[in-house]
Each structure stands twice: as structure tokens, then as C-alpha cells.
Amino acid sequence: MVDWKTPKEIEAEGVPFIKAVYVLFGIYIWEICTTGRFELSIFLGRRKLTWPLVFFFLCRYSMLLAFIGLIIFVNVSMKIDCNALYTFTFIAGNLTILGASTSLMIRTMALWEWKRQAVLSMLALSFGQCAILICTITTVQASWDHQARACVVVRTNHILLSLNYAYTMSFDFVILVMTLLVLRKRFRHEDLSTLLCRDGLVYFLITSTCNTVPAVLAALNLNGEGARCYSLSYCCLSCVYSPRCI
């Protein structure tokens, strides 16, 4: 039987975690560089900056800050306030989740032509998500380990982490269902309807797949590495909230 909490096992799991951070950070930097013309067009006035884009940019650059926090976390070699660093990374990551879900929600509200019942129901779910995201900011406690000369996770609240995963995935699923319902009523052009449906389905499938693994690890609460995987699930959100899809 594997003892998941031994220093040797945690160190072994940390190696693929660090490699995954570098790979995903590289992919995201490539995404920002290849789509930077979108921000440039707004800066030069070629494209109008509308208020829904605020949440798009919140998602896009909060994710970048979350990755920077992770890069520092896995590379630090001198004593720092590890808990403050991890709190910063969690705040940036939670803002990423909030920005992604809100952007998807606004698109669905627009498809429903801002009908009161649809707007109020989605806003109620969004407020619930905000409350859970605020509560999860301090779920992971990290400290400096003098022997390992690195930041290590010392405490997690796996119940809140699991609740966050479950709620976010359920919220996105509700938005997806409402999108499909309104598309079925409004669009008769099969190609357009298929395109929009596919976008929503792709988002849900990507987020569900990427969140399933860390959700299971958080629920099992084997060791601190499961909580660290929570941060890596942010990267899946960039697949839809890219200027390529606007």
C-alpha cells in the first residue's frame, strides 16, 4: 500500500507537476503572443471595447498571473512567505474561473435577449459561485520547508475544493443547457446553430475533462499535491476564451 504522505512520495509527484507547469505556461504564452493582435486592435481603436470584454480580459490575464505565481512557487530557493504566494495564486486562479463562467453566462443572457427570468436565475447561480470562490481562497496553507528548501503545502480543505469543482462544473452545465434551449428556438439555419452548439459543448467537455482529475484528487485528499493540481485546471479555460473564438 502506497503511503501518499511520505516526503519521498510527495517529492516524486512534484517532478511531473513542475514539468506540467512549464508545459502549460509555454502553451499559454504562445496563445497570448499569437492572439495579441486582438488587444492591439482595441488599443488602436480599430475594435470597440465593450463591457463584456472586461470579463474576457479578467480571465485572460488573471490566468497569466496564476501561472507566474506557480512558476515562482516551484522555483523558489530562498525563504519567502509561501502562504502569501499561494494565496495570490489562488486569487488569480479564482478570478480566472469567475471571468470564464461570467463570459459564458453573458453570452447566454444575450441569446435569451436579457429576459428577466433567465437573467435572474443565472445571476443567482453566479453569486453562489462567487461565494464559494471567496471561501476557497484560504483553503490551502503553505509554508517554507528548511530541509527541502522549498515551499510545501501543509494543509488543505478538500471538502471546499471538491465543492468548488462540483459547483463550477454544474454552473457551466446549466449555462450550456440554457444555451442549447435558446438556440433550438431561435435559429433555423443549421450551420450556425451547429457552430454555436459545438462551441458550448467543446467548452463543457474541456473543462469537465480537465477538472475531473484534480476534483478526484481533492476528494481523496491523498496529499498536498492534489490541491496543487487545482491550479493546473485553470489552463483549460483558455481554450474557449481566446480571441480566436470572439
C-alpha atoms as a PDB file:
ATOM      1  CA  MET A   1       0.000   0.000   0.000  1.00  0.00           C
ATOM      2  CA  VAL A   2       1.454   3.359  -1.051  1.00  0.00           C
ATOM      3  CA  ASP A   3       1.861   5.926   1.706  1.00  0.00           C
ATOM      4  CA  TRP A   4       0.968   9.104  -0.193  1.00  0.00           C
ATOM      5  CA  LYS A   5       2.051  11.425   2.604  1.00  0.00           C
ATOM      6  CA  THR A   6       5.703  10.398   2.847  1.00  0.00           C
ATOM      7  CA  PRO A   7       8.270  13.045   1.781  1.00  0.00           C
ATOM      8  CA  LYS A   8       9.689  10.646  -0.829  1.00  0.00           C
ATOM      9  CA  GLU A   9       6.288  10.122  -2.486  1.00  0.00           C
ATOM     10  CA  ILE A  10       5.450  13.838  -2.411  1.00  0.00           C
ATOM     11  CA  GLU A  11       8.837  14.660  -3.969  1.00  0.00           C
ATOM     12  CA  ALA A  12       8.260  12.070  -6.706  1.00  0.00           C
ATOM     13  CA  GLU A  13       4.853  13.558  -7.521  1.00  0.00           C
ATOM     14  CA  GLY A  14       6.305  17.053  -7.537  1.00  0.00           C
ATOM     15  CA  VAL A  15       8.510  16.321 -10.568  1.00  0.00           C
ATOM     16  CA  PRO A  16       5.658  15.777 -13.084  1.00  0.00           C
ATOM     17  CA  PHE A  17       3.791  18.678 -11.501  1.00  0.00           C
ATOM     18  CA  ILE A  18       6.690  21.059 -12.221  1.00  0.00           C
ATOM     19  CA  LYS A  19       7.018  19.760 -15.785  1.00  0.00           C
ATOM     20  CA  ALA A  20       3.293  20.231 -16.338  1.00  0.00           C
ATOM     21  CA  VAL A  21       3.502  23.820 -15.083  1.00  0.00           C
ATOM     22  CA  TYR A  22       6.262  24.647 -17.578  1.00  0.00           C
ATOM     23  CA  VAL A  23       4.487  22.990 -20.497  1.00  0.00           C
ATOM     24  CA  LEU A  24       1.160  24.694 -19.829  1.00  0.00           C
ATOM     25  CA  PHE A  25       2.830  28.046 -19.185  1.00  0.00           C
ATOM     26  CA  GLY A  26       4.621  27.777 -22.527  1.00  0.00           C
ATOM     27  CA  ILE A  27       1.361  26.935 -24.315  1.00  0.00           C
ATOM     28  CA  TYR A  28      -0.374  29.899 -22.726  1.00  0.00           C
ATOM     29  CA  ILE A  29       2.412  32.332 -23.577  1.00  0.00           C
ATOM     30  CA  TRP A  30       2.243  31.077 -27.167  1.00  0.00           C
ATOM     31  CA  GLU A  31      -1.523  31.677 -27.144  1.00  0.00           C
ATOM     32  CA  ILE A  32      -1.135  35.257 -25.901  1.00  0.00           C
ATOM     33  CA  CYS A  33       1.622  36.046 -28.422  1.00  0.00           C
ATOM     34  CA  THR A  34      -0.275  34.632 -31.404  1.00  0.00           C
ATOM     35  CA  THR A  35      -3.529  36.404 -30.498  1.00  0.00           C
ATOM     36  CA  GLY A  36      -2.040  39.683 -29.270  1.00  0.00           C
ATOM     37  CA  ARG A  37      -3.418  41.492 -32.328  1.00  0.00           C
ATOM     38  CA  PHE A  38      -6.820  41.387 -30.626  1.00  0.00           C
ATOM     39  CA  GLU A  39      -5.648  43.604 -27.749  1.00  0.00           C
ATOM     40  CA  LEU A  40      -3.707  45.773 -30.227  1.00  0.00           C
ATOM     41  CA  SER A  41      -6.843  46.380 -32.320  1.00  0.00           C
ATOM     42  CA  ILE A  42      -8.667  47.627 -29.214  1.00  0.00           C
ATOM     43  CA  PHE A  43      -5.729  49.793 -28.128  1.00  0.00           C
ATOM     44  CA  LEU A  44      -5.534  51.382 -31.583  1.00  0.00           C
ATOM     45  CA  GLY A  45      -9.292  51.944 -31.702  1.00  0.00           C
ATOM     46  CA  ARG A  46      -9.927  49.553 -34.580  1.00  0.00           C
ATOM     47  CA  ARG A  47     -12.219  47.469 -32.389  1.00  0.00           C
ATOM     48  CA  LYS A  48     -14.684  48.822 -29.841  1.00  0.00           C
ATOM     49  CA  LEU A  49     -14.128  47.881 -26.204  1.00  0.00           C
ATOM     50  CA  THR A  50     -17.490  46.628 -24.945  1.00  0.00           C
ATOM     51  CA  TRP A  51     -18.229  45.874 -21.287  1.00  0.00           C
ATOM     52  CA  PRO A  52     -18.456  42.062 -21.675  1.00  0.00           C
ATOM     53  CA  LEU A  53     -14.811  42.076 -22.785  1.00  0.00           C
ATOM     54  CA  VAL A  54     -13.869  43.156 -19.250  1.00  0.00           C
ATOM     55  CA  PHE A  55     -14.573  39.612 -18.056  1.00  0.00           C
ATOM     56  CA  PHE A  56     -12.735  38.160 -21.038  1.00  0.00           C
ATOM     57  CA  PHE A  57      -9.599  40.119 -20.159  1.00  0.00           C
ATOM     58  CA  LEU A  58     -10.082  39.302 -16.466  1.00  0.00           C
ATOM     59  CA  CYS A  59      -9.947  35.612 -17.367  1.00  0.00           C
ATOM     60  CA  ARG A  60      -7.102  36.007 -19.856  1.00  0.00           C
ATOM     61  CA  TYR A  61      -4.663  37.916 -17.636  1.00  0.00           C
ATOM     62  CA  SER A  62      -5.643  36.502 -14.253  1.00  0.00           C
ATOM     63  CA  MET A  63      -4.653  33.166 -15.719  1.00  0.00           C
ATOM     64  CA  LEU A  64      -1.274  34.622 -16.665  1.00  0.00           C
ATOM     65  CA  LEU A  65      -0.776  35.874 -13.096  1.00  0.00           C
ATOM     66  CA  ALA A  66      -1.760  32.458 -11.732  1.00  0.00           C
ATOM     67  CA  PHE A  67       0.870  30.802 -13.914  1.00  0.00           C
ATOM     68  CA  ILE A  68       3.501  33.316 -12.803  1.00  0.00           C
ATOM     69  CA  GLY A  69       2.654  32.517  -9.174  1.00  0.00           C
ATOM     70  CA  LEU A  70       3.041  28.805  -9.867  1.00  0.00           C
ATOM     71  CA  ILE A  71       6.377  29.331 -11.648  1.00  0.00           C
ATOM     72  CA  ILE A  72       7.696  31.225  -8.615  1.00  0.00           C
ATOM     73  CA  PHE A  73       6.311  28.583  -6.255  1.00  0.00           C
ATOM     74  CA  VAL A  74       8.131  25.689  -7.921  1.00  0.00           C
ATOM     75  CA  ASN A  75      11.412  27.587  -8.443  1.00  0.00           C
ATOM     76  CA  VAL A  76      11.919  29.487  -5.199  1.00  0.00           C
ATOM     77  CA  SER A  77      15.164  28.525  -3.439  1.00  0.00           C
ATOM     78  CA  MET A  78      15.257  31.028  -0.588  1.00  0.00           C
ATOM     79  CA  LYS A  79      12.836  31.513   2.278  1.00  0.00           C
ATOM     80  CA  ILE A  80       9.761  33.554   1.380  1.00  0.00           C
ATOM     81  CA  ASP A  81       6.191  33.906   2.630  1.00  0.00           C
ATOM     82  CA  CYS A  82       4.918  30.793   0.864  1.00  0.00           C
ATOM     83  CA  ASN A  83       1.388  31.191   2.187  1.00  0.00           C
ATOM     84  CA  ALA A  84       1.089  34.721   0.775  1.00  0.00           C
ATOM     85  CA  LEU A  85       2.379  33.497  -2.591  1.00  0.00           C
ATOM     86  CA  TYR A  86      -0.112  30.632  -2.698  1.00  0.00           C
ATOM     87  CA  THR A  87      -2.945  32.971  -1.662  1.00  0.00           C
ATOM     88  CA  PHE A  88      -2.014  35.290  -4.537  1.00  0.00           C
ATOM     89  CA  THR A  89      -2.007  32.342  -6.943  1.00  0.00           C
ATOM     90  CA  PHE A  90      -5.392  31.163  -5.686  1.00  0.00           C
ATOM     91  CA  ILE A  91      -6.915  34.639  -6.011  1.00  0.00           C
ATOM     92  CA  ALA A  92      -5.656  34.921  -9.589  1.00  0.00           C
ATOM     93  CA  GLY A  93      -6.890  31.420 -10.384  1.00  0.00           C
ATOM     94  CA  ASN A  94     -10.323  32.016  -8.885  1.00  0.00           C
ATOM     95  CA  LEU A  95     -10.639  35.256 -10.849  1.00  0.00           C
ATOM     96  CA  THR A  96      -9.863  33.188 -13.948  1.00  0.00           C
ATOM     97  CA  ILE A  97     -12.713  30.812 -13.169  1.00  0.00           C
ATOM     98  CA  LEU A  98     -15.063  33.709 -12.389  1.00  0.00           C
ATOM     99  CA  GLY A  99     -14.174  35.554 -15.596  1.00  0.00           C
ATOM    100  CA  ALA A 100     -14.641  32.441 -17.732  1.00  0.00           C
ATOM    101  CA  SER A 101     -18.022  31.469 -16.278  1.00  0.00           C
ATOM    102  CA  THR A 102     -19.263  35.073 -16.366  1.00  0.00           C
ATOM    103  CA  SER A 103     -18.260  35.489 -20.015  1.00  0.00           C
ATOM    104  CA  LEU A 104     -20.143  32.329 -20.915  1.00  0.00           C
ATOM    105  CA  MET A 105     -23.123  33.495 -18.843  1.00  0.00           C
ATOM    106  CA  ILE A 106     -23.256  36.910 -20.542  1.00  0.00           C
ATOM    107  CA  ARG A 107     -23.255  35.268 -23.968  1.00  0.00           C
ATOM    108  CA  THR A 108     -26.164  33.069 -22.904  1.00  0.00           C
ATOM    109  CA  MET A 109     -28.068  36.048 -21.458  1.00  0.00           C
ATOM    110  CA  ALA A 110     -27.697  37.855 -24.765  1.00  0.00           C
ATOM    111  CA  LEU A 111     -29.074  34.819 -26.615  1.00  0.00           C
ATOM    112  CA  TRP A 112     -32.064  34.865 -24.274  1.00  0.00           C
ATOM    113  CA  GLU A 113     -32.496  38.580 -25.139  1.00  0.00           C
ATOM    114  CA  TRP A 114     -31.978  39.547 -21.481  1.00  0.00           C
ATOM    115  CA  LYS A 115     -35.286  38.061 -20.349  1.00  0.00           C
ATOM    116  CA  ARG A 116     -35.773  38.625 -16.639  1.00  0.00           C
ATOM    117  CA  GLN A 117     -36.247  35.014 -15.569  1.00  0.00           C
ATOM    118  CA  ALA A 118     -33.181  33.802 -17.437  1.00  0.00           C
ATOM    119  CA  VAL A 119     -31.023  36.690 -16.201  1.00  0.00           C
ATOM    120  CA  LEU A 120     -32.089  36.370 -12.549  1.00  0.00           C
ATOM    121  CA  SER A 121     -31.620  32.607 -12.473  1.00  0.00           C
ATOM    122  CA  MET A 122     -28.126  32.818 -13.918  1.00  0.00           C
ATOM    123  CA  LEU A 123     -27.176  35.731 -11.645  1.00  0.00           C
ATOM    124  CA  ALA A 124     -28.292  33.735  -8.598  1.00  0.00           C
ATOM    125  CA  LEU A 125     -26.032  30.865  -9.638  1.00  0.00           C
ATOM    126  CA  SER A 126     -23.199  33.310 -10.322  1.00  0.00           C
ATOM    127  CA  PHE A 127     -23.461  34.835  -6.823  1.00  0.00           C
ATOM    128  CA  GLY A 128     -23.264  31.332  -5.376  1.00  0.00           C
ATOM    129  CA  GLN A 129     -20.114  30.695  -7.373  1.00  0.00           C
ATOM    130  CA  CYS A 130     -18.582  33.962  -6.146  1.00  0.00           C
ATOM    131  CA  ALA A 131     -19.271  32.973  -2.524  1.00  0.00           C
ATOM    132  CA  ILE A 132     -17.600  29.578  -2.967  1.00  0.00           C
ATOM    133  CA  LEU A 133     -14.593  31.075  -4.767  1.00  0.00           C
ATOM    134  CA  ILE A 134     -14.087  33.571  -1.930  1.00  0.00           C
ATOM    135  CA  CYS A 135     -14.235  30.776   0.642  1.00  0.00           C
ATOM    136  CA  THR A 136     -11.652  28.684  -1.214  1.00  0.00           C
ATOM    137  CA  ILE A 137      -9.000  31.427  -1.281  1.00  0.00           C
ATOM    138  CA  THR A 138      -7.529  30.259   2.034  1.00  0.00           C
ATOM    139  CA  THR A 139      -8.269  26.530   1.726  1.00  0.00           C
ATOM    140  CA  VAL A 140      -4.620  25.705   1.036  1.00  0.00           C
ATOM    141  CA  GLN A 141      -1.920  26.594   3.549  1.00  0.00           C
ATOM    142  CA  ALA A 142       1.731  26.540   2.501  1.00  0.00           C
ATOM    143  CA  SER A 143       4.962  27.117   4.410  1.00  0.00           C
ATOM    144  CA  TRP A 144       8.717  27.095   3.882  1.00  0.00           C
ATOM    145  CA  ASP A 145      10.430  23.756   4.431  1.00  0.00           C
ATOM    146  CA  HIS A 146      14.051  24.338   5.554  1.00  0.00           C
ATOM    147  CA  GLN A 147      15.079  20.753   4.814  1.00  0.00           C
ATOM    148  CA  ALA A 148      13.643  20.684   1.294  1.00  0.00           C
ATOM    149  CA  ARG A 149      14.457  24.380   0.751  1.00  0.00           C
ATOM    150  CA  ALA A 150      11.118  24.801  -0.982  1.00  0.00           C
ATOM    151  CA  CYS A 151       7.515  25.820  -0.385  1.00  0.00           C
ATOM    152  CA  VAL A 152       5.320  22.891   0.608  1.00  0.00           C
ATOM    153  CA  VAL A 153       1.579  22.520   1.109  1.00  0.00           C
ATOM    154  CA  VAL A 154       0.880  21.759   4.776  1.00  0.00           C
ATOM    155  CA  ARG A 155      -2.928  21.886   4.953  1.00  0.00           C
ATOM    156  CA  THR A 156      -5.883  21.743   2.588  1.00  0.00           C
ATOM    157  CA  ASN A 157      -9.649  21.758   2.877  1.00  0.00           C
ATOM    158  CA  HIS A 158     -10.536  19.061   0.377  1.00  0.00           C
ATOM    159  CA  ILE A 159     -14.261  19.436   1.060  1.00  0.00           C
ATOM    160  CA  LEU A 160     -14.314  23.061  -0.115  1.00  0.00           C
ATOM    161  CA  LEU A 161     -12.095  22.247  -3.093  1.00  0.00           C
ATOM    162  CA  SER A 162     -14.427  19.430  -4.142  1.00  0.00           C
ATOM    163  CA  LEU A 163     -17.441  21.706  -3.670  1.00  0.00           C
ATOM    164  CA  ASN A 164     -15.785  24.345  -5.852  1.00  0.00           C
ATOM    165  CA  TYR A 165     -15.189  21.833  -8.646  1.00  0.00           C
ATOM    166  CA  ALA A 166     -18.708  20.424  -8.439  1.00  0.00           C
ATOM    167  CA  TYR A 167     -20.395  23.826  -8.356  1.00  0.00           C
ATOM    168  CA  THR A 168     -18.371  25.298 -11.222  1.00  0.00           C
ATOM    169  CA  MET A 169     -18.959  22.286 -13.450  1.00  0.00           C
ATOM    170  CA  SER A 170     -22.676  22.279 -12.593  1.00  0.00           C
ATOM    171  CA  PHE A 171     -22.962  26.023 -13.236  1.00  0.00           C
ATOM    172  CA  ASP A 172     -21.305  25.708 -16.640  1.00  0.00           C
ATOM    173  CA  PHE A 173     -23.556  22.755 -17.456  1.00  0.00           C
ATOM    174  CA  VAL A 174     -26.687  24.785 -16.610  1.00  0.00           C
ATOM    175  CA  ILE A 175     -25.468  27.620 -18.853  1.00  0.00           C
ATOM    176  CA  LEU A 176     -24.775  25.109 -21.617  1.00  0.00           C
ATOM    177  CA  VAL A 177     -28.299  23.657 -21.359  1.00  0.00           C
ATOM    178  CA  MET A 178     -29.866  27.129 -21.436  1.00  0.00           C
ATOM    179  CA  THR A 179     -27.755  27.991 -24.482  1.00  0.00           C
ATOM    180  CA  LEU A 180     -28.893  24.878 -26.313  1.00  0.00           C
ATOM    181  CA  LEU A 181     -32.531  25.574 -25.435  1.00  0.00           C
ATOM    182  CA  VAL A 182     -32.476  29.104 -26.808  1.00  0.00           C
ATOM    183  CA  LEU A 183     -30.566  28.061 -29.910  1.00  0.00           C
ATOM    184  CA  ARG A 184     -33.194  25.437 -30.652  1.00  0.00           C
ATOM    185  CA  LYS A 185     -35.883  28.112 -30.576  1.00  0.00           C
ATOM    186  CA  ARG A 186     -34.121  30.969 -32.308  1.00  0.00           C
ATOM    187  CA  PHE A 187     -32.003  29.541 -35.075  1.00  0.00           C
ATOM    188  CA  ARG A 188     -33.281  27.753 -38.131  1.00  0.00           C
ATOM    189  CA  HIS A 189     -30.019  27.897 -40.029  1.00  0.00           C
ATOM    190  CA  GLU A 190     -28.486  24.519 -39.336  1.00  0.00           C
ATOM    191  CA  ASP A 191     -24.846  25.529 -39.899  1.00  0.00           C
ATOM    192  CA  LEU A 192     -24.993  28.494 -37.489  1.00  0.00           C
ATOM    193  CA  SER A 193     -26.848  26.528 -34.862  1.00  0.00           C
ATOM    194  CA  THR A 194     -24.409  23.633 -35.134  1.00  0.00           C
ATOM    195  CA  LEU A 195     -21.446  26.004 -34.836  1.00  0.00           C
ATOM    196  CA  LEU A 196     -22.717  27.687 -31.686  1.00  0.00           C
ATOM    197  CA  CYS A 197     -23.763  24.397 -30.103  1.00  0.00           C
ATOM    198  CA  ARG A 198     -20.374  22.898 -30.814  1.00  0.00           C
ATOM    199  CA  ASP A 199     -18.608  25.834 -29.157  1.00  0.00           C
ATOM    200  CA  GLY A 200     -20.606  25.377 -25.989  1.00  0.00           C
ATOM    201  CA  LEU A 201     -20.164  21.619 -25.974  1.00  0.00           C
ATOM    202  CA  VAL A 202     -16.419  21.914 -26.558  1.00  0.00           C
ATOM    203  CA  TYR A 203     -16.076  24.277 -23.588  1.00  0.00           C
ATOM    204  CA  PHE A 204     -18.026  21.984 -21.280  1.00  0.00           C
ATOM    205  CA  LEU A 205     -16.171  18.857 -22.413  1.00  0.00           C
ATOM    206  CA  ILE A 206     -12.752  20.504 -21.990  1.00  0.00           C
ATOM    207  CA  THR A 207     -13.469  21.947 -18.552  1.00  0.00           C
ATOM    208  CA  SER A 208     -15.127  18.740 -17.364  1.00  0.00           C
ATOM    209  CA  THR A 209     -12.218  16.594 -18.533  1.00  0.00           C
ATOM    210  CA  CYS A 210      -9.542  18.884 -17.095  1.00  0.00           C
ATOM    211  CA  ASN A 211     -11.377  19.341 -13.790  1.00  0.00           C
ATOM    212  CA  THR A 212     -12.235  15.682 -13.240  1.00  0.00           C
ATOM    213  CA  VAL A 213      -8.701  14.576 -12.325  1.00  0.00           C
ATOM    214  CA  PRO A 214      -7.966  17.321  -9.738  1.00  0.00           C
ATOM    215  CA  ALA A 215     -11.545  17.013  -8.437  1.00  0.00           C
ATOM    216  CA  VAL A 216     -10.981  13.310  -7.714  1.00  0.00           C
ATOM    217  CA  LEU A 217      -7.590  14.023  -6.128  1.00  0.00           C
ATOM    218  CA  ALA A 218      -9.091  16.743  -3.946  1.00  0.00           C
ATOM    219  CA  ALA A 219     -11.876  14.416  -2.844  1.00  0.00           C
ATOM    220  CA  LEU A 220      -9.448  11.592  -1.999  1.00  0.00           C
ATOM    221  CA  ASN A 221      -7.180  14.026  -0.123  1.00  0.00           C
ATOM    222  CA  LEU A 222      -4.136  11.791  -0.573  1.00  0.00           C
ATOM    223  CA  ASN A 223      -1.635  14.602  -0.005  1.00  0.00           C
ATOM    224  CA  GLY A 224      -0.952  18.249  -0.839  1.00  0.00           C
ATOM    225  CA  GLU A 225      -0.166  17.530  -4.483  1.00  0.00           C
ATOM    226  CA  GLY A 226      -3.866  17.009  -5.162  1.00  0.00           C
ATOM    227  CA  ALA A 227      -4.551  20.559  -4.068  1.00  0.00           C
ATOM    228  CA  ARG A 228      -1.713  21.880  -6.231  1.00  0.00           C
ATOM    229  CA  CYS A 229      -3.329  20.242  -9.257  1.00  0.00           C
ATOM    230  CA  TYR A 230      -6.259  22.593  -8.658  1.00  0.00           C
ATOM    231  CA  SER A 231      -4.123  25.396 -10.064  1.00  0.00           C
ATOM    232  CA  LEU A 232      -3.386  23.500 -13.277  1.00  0.00           C
ATOM    233  CA  SER A 233      -7.080  23.214 -14.150  1.00  0.00           C
ATOM    234  CA  TYR A 234      -7.142  26.966 -14.918  1.00  0.00           C
ATOM    235  CA  CYS A 235      -5.337  26.404 -18.205  1.00  0.00           C
ATOM    236  CA  CYS A 236      -8.298  24.598 -19.808  1.00  0.00           C
ATOM    237  CA  LEU A 237     -10.348  27.806 -19.740  1.00  0.00           C
ATOM    238  CA  SER A 238      -8.101  29.451 -22.348  1.00  0.00           C
ATOM    239  CA  CYS A 239      -9.260  27.001 -24.989  1.00  0.00           C
ATOM    240  CA  VAL A 240     -12.575  28.820 -25.380  1.00  0.00           C
ATOM    241  CA  TYR A 241     -11.868  32.304 -24.052  1.00  0.00           C
ATOM    242  CA  SER A 242      -9.381  33.053 -26.759  1.00  0.00           C
ATOM    243  CA  PRO A 243      -9.728  35.913 -29.297  1.00  0.00           C
ATOM    244  CA  ARG A 244      -9.929  33.189 -31.922  1.00  0.00           C
ATOM    245  CA  CYS A 245     -13.447  32.446 -30.680  1.00  0.00           C
ATOM    246  CA  ILE A 246     -14.732  36.047 -30.459  1.00  0.00           C
END
